[in-house]
Amino acid sequence: MNDQNIKILALIADYLDKYPGQRFGQVLFNLDIIEFADKTDPSRNLRDIYNDSNKEIIDRIKSTISKIEDDSTS
């Protein structure tokens, strides 16, 4: 397993430690690992993340966690 995969799993594990009541599928959506193509689109099609690099996913997770933490401190 490469270092970026390990980092993704560590970020998910840390998030689950903070929010243990969430199901794994919820975590994938809540951290924007899997997301809707257009969040305003009523058909709710999933965006194809096949070509997303691990770095893009890591950056998206970190950004989302930062937003969550900012919201919880306000």
N, C-alpha and C. Protein backbone atom coordinates (compact mmCIF):
# COMPACT_ATOMS: atom_id res chain seq x y z
N MET A 1 0.86 -1.17 0.00
CA MET A 1 0.00 0.00 0.00
C MET A 1 0.91 1.23 0.00
N ASN A 2 0.55 2.23 -0.82
CA ASN A 2 1.41 3.41 -0.89
C ASN A 2 1.07 4.41 0.23
N ASP A 3 1.97 5.38 0.41
CA ASP A 3 1.83 6.34 1.50
C ASP A 3 0.53 7.16 1.41
N GLN A 4 0.11 7.50 0.19
CA GLN A 4 -1.11 8.29 0.06
C GLN A 4 -2.35 7.48 0.45
N ASN A 5 -2.37 6.20 0.12
CA ASN A 5 -3.49 5.35 0.55
C ASN A 5 -3.53 5.26 2.07
N ILE A 6 -2.37 5.12 2.67
CA ILE A 6 -2.29 5.06 4.13
C ILE A 6 -2.79 6.36 4.74
N LYS A 7 -2.44 7.49 4.13
CA LYS A 7 -2.90 8.80 4.62
C LYS A 7 -4.42 8.91 4.53
N ILE A 8 -4.99 8.48 3.43
CA ILE A 8 -6.45 8.52 3.27
C ILE A 8 -7.11 7.68 4.37
N LEU A 9 -6.61 6.48 4.58
CA LEU A 9 -7.18 5.61 5.61
C LEU A 9 -7.02 6.20 7.01
N ALA A 10 -5.88 6.85 7.26
CA ALA A 10 -5.65 7.49 8.57
C ALA A 10 -6.62 8.65 8.79
N LEU A 11 -6.86 9.44 7.75
CA LEU A 11 -7.81 10.54 7.86
C LEU A 11 -9.22 10.01 8.15
N ILE A 12 -9.59 8.94 7.47
CA ILE A 12 -10.90 8.33 7.71
C ILE A 12 -10.97 7.79 9.14
N ALA A 13 -9.92 7.11 9.59
CA ALA A 13 -9.90 6.55 10.94
C ALA A 13 -10.01 7.65 11.99
N ASP A 14 -9.28 8.75 11.81
CA ASP A 14 -9.35 9.87 12.75
C ASP A 14 -10.77 10.44 12.80
N TYR A 15 -11.37 10.58 11.63
CA TYR A 15 -12.74 11.11 11.56
C TYR A 15 -13.71 10.18 12.29
N LEU A 16 -13.55 8.88 12.07
CA LEU A 16 -14.43 7.92 12.74
C LEU A 16 -14.22 7.90 14.25
N ASP A 17 -13.00 8.18 14.70
CA ASP A 17 -12.76 8.29 16.14
C ASP A 17 -13.54 9.45 16.73
N LYS A 18 -13.63 10.56 15.97
CA LYS A 18 -14.35 11.74 16.45
C LYS A 18 -15.86 11.58 16.33
N TYR A 19 -16.29 10.84 15.32
CA TYR A 19 -17.73 10.66 15.04
C TYR A 19 -18.05 9.17 14.91
N PRO A 20 -17.95 8.42 16.01
CA PRO A 20 -18.09 6.97 15.94
C PRO A 20 -19.48 6.47 15.55
N GLY A 21 -20.46 7.32 15.64
CA GLY A 21 -21.82 6.90 15.32
C GLY A 21 -22.12 6.88 13.82
N GLN A 22 -21.19 7.37 13.02
CA GLN A 22 -21.45 7.42 11.59
C GLN A 22 -21.12 6.09 10.92
N ARG A 23 -21.94 5.74 9.95
CA ARG A 23 -21.68 4.54 9.16
C ARG A 23 -20.61 4.87 8.12
N PHE A 24 -19.93 3.86 7.64
CA PHE A 24 -18.81 4.06 6.71
C PHE A 24 -19.27 4.80 5.46
N GLY A 25 -20.42 4.43 4.92
CA GLY A 25 -20.93 5.11 3.73
C GLY A 25 -21.18 6.59 3.98
N GLN A 26 -21.68 6.93 5.17
CA GLN A 26 -21.88 8.32 5.53
C GLN A 26 -20.55 9.07 5.51
N VAL A 27 -19.52 8.43 6.04
CA VAL A 27 -18.21 9.06 6.10
C VAL A 27 -17.69 9.38 4.70
N LEU A 28 -17.88 8.47 3.77
CA LEU A 28 -17.42 8.70 2.40
C LEU A 28 -18.07 9.94 1.81
N PHE A 29 -19.35 10.14 2.11
CA PHE A 29 -20.04 11.34 1.62
C PHE A 29 -19.68 12.57 2.45
N ASN A 30 -19.64 12.42 3.76
CA ASN A 30 -19.39 13.57 4.62
C ASN A 30 -17.99 14.16 4.42
N LEU A 31 -17.04 13.33 4.03
CA LEU A 31 -15.68 13.82 3.77
C LEU A 31 -15.47 14.17 2.31
N ASP A 32 -16.52 14.13 1.52
CA ASP A 32 -16.47 14.46 0.09
C ASP A 32 -15.53 13.54 -0.70
N ILE A 33 -15.37 12.32 -0.22
CA ILE A 33 -14.62 11.33 -1.00
C ILE A 33 -15.49 10.93 -2.19
N ILE A 34 -16.75 10.64 -1.89
CA ILE A 34 -17.76 10.39 -2.91
C ILE A 34 -18.72 11.57 -2.82
N GLU A 35 -19.06 12.14 -3.95
CA GLU A 35 -19.92 13.31 -3.93
C GLU A 35 -20.86 13.30 -5.12
N PHE A 36 -21.91 14.08 -5.02
CA PHE A 36 -22.85 14.19 -6.12
C PHE A 36 -22.25 15.05 -7.22
N ALA A 37 -22.59 14.74 -8.45
CA ALA A 37 -22.09 15.49 -9.60
C ALA A 37 -22.49 16.95 -9.48
N ASP A 38 -23.71 17.19 -9.09
CA ASP A 38 -24.21 18.55 -8.89
C ASP A 38 -25.09 18.50 -7.66
N LYS A 39 -24.63 19.09 -6.59
CA LYS A 39 -25.37 18.99 -5.33
C LYS A 39 -26.75 19.61 -5.40
N THR A 40 -27.00 20.43 -6.41
CA THR A 40 -28.33 21.02 -6.57
C THR A 40 -29.20 20.23 -7.55
N ASP A 41 -28.62 19.20 -8.18
CA ASP A 41 -29.33 18.40 -9.19
C ASP A 41 -30.25 17.40 -8.49
N PRO A 42 -31.54 17.50 -8.75
CA PRO A 42 -32.47 16.59 -8.07
C PRO A 42 -32.26 15.11 -8.44
N SER A 43 -31.60 14.83 -9.56
CA SER A 43 -31.39 13.42 -9.91
C SER A 43 -30.29 12.79 -9.06
N ARG A 44 -29.49 13.63 -8.42
CA ARG A 44 -28.48 13.19 -7.44
C ARG A 44 -27.50 12.18 -8.02
N ASN A 45 -27.07 12.36 -9.26
CA ASN A 45 -26.08 11.47 -9.85
C ASN A 45 -24.73 11.63 -9.15
N LEU A 46 -24.05 10.51 -8.97
CA LEU A 46 -22.73 10.57 -8.34
C LEU A 46 -21.69 11.05 -9.35
N ARG A 47 -20.76 11.86 -8.86
CA ARG A 47 -19.66 12.30 -9.70
C ARG A 47 -18.67 11.15 -9.83
N ASP A 48 -18.17 10.92 -11.03
CA ASP A 48 -17.20 9.86 -11.27
C ASP A 48 -15.84 10.31 -10.72
N ILE A 49 -15.36 9.62 -9.70
CA ILE A 49 -14.09 9.99 -9.08
C ILE A 49 -12.94 9.09 -9.56
N TYR A 50 -13.19 8.33 -10.60
CA TYR A 50 -12.20 7.38 -11.10
C TYR A 50 -10.85 8.04 -11.39
N ASN A 51 -10.87 9.22 -11.97
CA ASN A 51 -9.62 9.87 -12.35
C ASN A 51 -9.06 10.81 -11.28
N ASP A 52 -9.71 10.88 -10.13
CA ASP A 52 -9.18 11.71 -9.04
C ASP A 52 -7.90 11.07 -8.51
N SER A 53 -6.87 11.86 -8.37
CA SER A 53 -5.63 11.33 -7.79
C SER A 53 -5.80 11.20 -6.28
N ASN A 54 -4.97 10.39 -5.67
CA ASN A 54 -5.00 10.27 -4.22
C ASN A 54 -4.77 11.62 -3.56
N LYS A 55 -3.89 12.42 -4.14
CA LYS A 55 -3.61 13.75 -3.57
C LYS A 55 -4.86 14.62 -3.61
N GLU A 56 -5.62 14.57 -4.70
CA GLU A 56 -6.87 15.34 -4.78
C GLU A 56 -7.85 14.88 -3.70
N ILE A 57 -7.92 13.60 -3.48
CA ILE A 57 -8.82 13.06 -2.46
C ILE A 57 -8.36 13.49 -1.07
N ILE A 58 -7.06 13.40 -0.81
CA ILE A 58 -6.51 13.83 0.48
C ILE A 58 -6.82 15.31 0.70
N ASP A 59 -6.57 16.13 -0.30
CA ASP A 59 -6.82 17.57 -0.18
C ASP A 59 -8.30 17.85 0.08
N ARG A 60 -9.19 17.11 -0.60
CA ARG A 60 -10.63 17.28 -0.42
C ARG A 60 -11.04 16.88 1.01
N ILE A 61 -10.49 15.78 1.50
CA ILE A 61 -10.81 15.33 2.86
C ILE A 61 -10.34 16.38 3.87
N LYS A 62 -9.09 16.84 3.72
CA LYS A 62 -8.55 17.83 4.66
C LYS A 62 -9.36 19.12 4.65
N SER A 63 -9.76 19.56 3.46
CA SER A 63 -10.56 20.77 3.34
C SER A 63 -11.91 20.60 4.04
N THR A 64 -12.52 19.46 3.83
CA THR A 64 -13.82 19.20 4.44
C THR A 64 -13.71 19.11 5.95
N ILE A 65 -12.69 18.43 6.45
CA ILE A 65 -12.48 18.33 7.90
C ILE A 65 -12.26 19.72 8.49
N SER A 66 -11.50 20.54 7.80
CA SER A 66 -11.27 21.91 8.26
C SER A 66 -12.58 22.68 8.37
N LYS A 67 -13.45 22.54 7.37
CA LYS A 67 -14.75 23.22 7.39
C LYS A 67 -15.60 22.71 8.55
N ILE A 68 -15.58 21.40 8.78
CA ILE A 68 -16.35 20.80 9.87
C ILE A 68 -15.87 21.34 11.21
N GLU A 69 -14.55 21.39 11.38
CA GLU A 69 -13.98 21.88 12.63
C GLU A 69 -14.27 23.37 12.83
N ASP A 70 -14.21 24.16 11.74
CA ASP A 70 -14.53 25.58 11.84
C ASP A 70 -15.99 25.78 12.25
N ASP A 71 -16.89 24.97 11.66
CA ASP A 71 -18.30 25.07 11.99
C ASP A 71 -18.58 24.70 13.45
N SER A 72 -17.82 23.73 13.96
CA SER A 72 -18.07 23.27 15.32
C SER A 72 -17.53 24.24 16.37
N THR A 73 -16.61 25.12 15.98
CA THR A 73 -16.07 26.08 16.94
C THR A 73 -16.79 27.43 16.88
N SER A 74 -17.68 27.60 15.89
CA SER A 74 -18.39 28.89 15.81
C SER A 74 -19.66 28.89 16.59
